[in-house]
Protein backbone atom coordinates (compact mmCIF):
# COMPACT_ATOMS: atom_id res chain seq x y z
CA MET A 1 9.02 5.20 -20.73
CA THR A 2 6.44 2.75 -21.88
CA THR A 3 2.77 3.66 -21.17
CA TYR A 4 1.02 1.28 -18.73
CA GLU A 5 -2.35 1.08 -16.95
CA HIS A 6 -2.24 2.33 -13.46
CA GLN A 7 -4.93 2.10 -10.90
CA LEU A 8 -5.38 3.87 -7.54
CA ASP A 9 -4.55 1.15 -4.91
CA HIS A 10 -4.81 2.79 -1.45
CA VAL A 11 -4.36 5.84 0.56
CA ALA A 12 -2.17 5.61 3.77
CA VAL A 13 -2.82 7.87 6.79
CA PRO A 14 -0.71 8.05 9.95
CA SER A 15 -2.00 6.42 13.16
CA ARG A 16 -0.62 6.65 16.73
CA ASP A 17 -2.44 3.55 17.77
CA ILE A 18 -3.09 0.89 14.98
CA ALA A 19 -5.30 -1.31 16.97
CA ALA A 20 -7.51 1.69 18.05
CA SER A 21 -7.59 3.10 14.60
CA VAL A 22 -8.62 -0.34 13.18
CA ARG A 23 -11.50 -0.66 15.62
CA TRP A 24 -12.78 2.80 14.75
CA TYR A 25 -12.79 2.20 10.97
CA VAL A 26 -14.49 -1.19 11.55
CA GLU A 27 -17.07 0.00 14.02
CA LYS A 28 -17.89 3.38 12.12
CA PHE A 29 -17.68 2.25 8.48
CA GLY A 30 -17.73 -1.56 8.44
CA ALA A 31 -14.19 -1.80 7.12
CA GLU A 32 -12.76 -5.33 6.55
CA VAL A 33 -9.32 -5.98 7.98
CA LEU A 34 -7.12 -7.43 5.23
CA TYR A 35 -3.90 -7.46 7.39
CA GLN A 36 -2.88 -5.93 10.74
CA ASP A 37 0.25 -5.92 13.03
CA GLY A 38 1.54 -3.40 15.46
CA THR A 39 2.84 -0.96 12.99
CA TRP A 40 0.57 -1.36 10.02
CA ALA A 41 -3.09 -2.25 9.07
CA PHE A 42 -4.56 -2.77 5.55
CA LEU A 43 -8.48 -2.29 5.46
CA LYS A 44 -10.97 -2.83 2.71
CA LEU A 45 -13.35 0.23 2.88
CA GLY A 46 -16.22 0.17 0.26
CA GLN A 47 -14.59 0.08 -3.20
CA GLY A 48 -11.14 1.20 -1.83
CA LYS A 49 -8.34 0.28 0.41
CA LEU A 50 -6.93 2.30 3.57
CA ALA A 51 -3.56 1.74 5.13
CA LEU A 52 -3.14 2.83 8.75
CA VAL A 53 0.53 3.34 9.31
CA THR A 54 2.89 4.49 12.10
CA PRO A 55 5.00 7.39 11.01
CA SER A 56 8.19 5.66 12.05
CA GLN A 57 7.45 2.75 9.70
CA HIS A 58 5.81 4.19 6.63
CA PRO A 59 5.10 7.79 5.24
CA PRO A 60 1.57 8.94 4.60
CA HIS A 61 1.04 8.29 0.88
CA VAL A 62 -1.25 7.49 -2.04
CA ALA A 63 -0.46 4.18 -3.83
CA VAL A 64 -0.80 3.40 -7.40
CA ARG A 65 -1.06 -0.24 -8.50
CA VAL A 66 1.26 -1.09 -11.29
CA GLY A 67 2.42 -4.16 -13.24
CA ALA A 68 5.90 -5.70 -12.84
CA GLU A 69 7.39 -4.14 -15.88
CA ALA A 70 6.12 -0.65 -15.06
CA LEU A 71 7.50 -0.96 -11.58
CA ARG A 72 10.89 -1.94 -12.89
CA GLU A 73 10.87 0.89 -15.28
CA HIS A 74 9.83 3.40 -12.75
CA ALA A 75 12.39 2.04 -10.32
CA LEU A 76 15.17 2.40 -12.86
CA ALA A 77 14.02 6.03 -13.84
CA ALA A 78 13.93 6.95 -10.23
CA GLY A 79 17.28 5.25 -9.37
CA LYS A 80 15.71 3.21 -6.57
CA PRO A 81 15.68 -0.39 -5.61
CA VAL A 82 12.48 -2.26 -5.55
CA ASP A 83 11.39 -3.09 -1.94
CA GLN A 84 9.83 -6.40 -1.05
CA HIS A 85 7.11 -5.91 1.51
CA ARG A 86 6.04 -8.30 4.37
CA ASP A 87 2.72 -8.97 2.64
CA GLY A 88 4.34 -10.16 -0.57
CA THR A 89 3.95 -7.02 -2.65
CA ALA A 90 6.75 -5.03 -3.98
CA GLY A 91 7.00 -1.29 -4.54
CA ILE A 92 8.82 1.91 -4.55
CA TYR A 93 8.21 5.35 -3.10
CA ILE A 94 8.51 8.51 -5.31
CA ASP A 95 7.62 12.12 -4.86
CA ASP A 96 5.15 14.10 -6.90
CA PRO A 97 5.96 17.65 -8.04
CA ASP A 98 4.48 18.95 -4.71
CA GLY A 99 6.56 16.66 -2.41
CA ASN A 100 3.80 14.18 -1.67
CA GLN A 101 4.77 10.57 -1.46
CA VAL A 102 3.31 8.17 -3.94
CA GLU A 103 3.98 4.44 -3.63
CA LEU A 104 4.05 2.38 -6.85
CA ILE A 105 2.93 -1.14 -5.76
CA TYR A 106 2.87 -4.51 -7.50
CA TYR A 107 1.04 -7.50 -6.49
CA PRO A 108 2.65 -10.73 -7.75
CA ALA A 109 0.12 -13.37 -8.62
CA ASP A 110 -0.17 -16.08 -5.94
CA ARG A 111 2.62 -14.59 -3.82
CA THR A 112 0.86 -12.03 -1.47
CA ILE A 113 -0.92 -12.76 1.70
CA TYR A 114 -4.15 -11.55 -0.02
CA ASP A 115 -4.10 -14.65 -2.43
CA LYS A 116 -4.25 -16.97 0.70
CA PRO A 117 -7.44 -18.09 2.22
CA LEU A 118 -8.14 -16.69 5.77
CA GLU A 119 -7.59 -19.28 8.45
């Protein structure tokens, strides 16, 4: 496998109530809401990002940002198709040696909701 630069992108934690969890992180830590719906929220918190996820939609995980070619190679090596996400990103989930979920996530330029100005 080719060597690529990888960056820590976000940590995802489970939430029973996305809206209440968003309020808590905004009020306690000044988090900025990047995206929110009924099953998932994405927050900017200091230098990092936090995903709040409902267990029925997403597993708790650590996400590593990768480029398009690295994602393709990892998906091929894992025998997994690349998932297209509602926010315009693409990715796969793999397990680390201890069974922790790791998401490999790719942000296509000018094709994610994060590239668009807030209205």
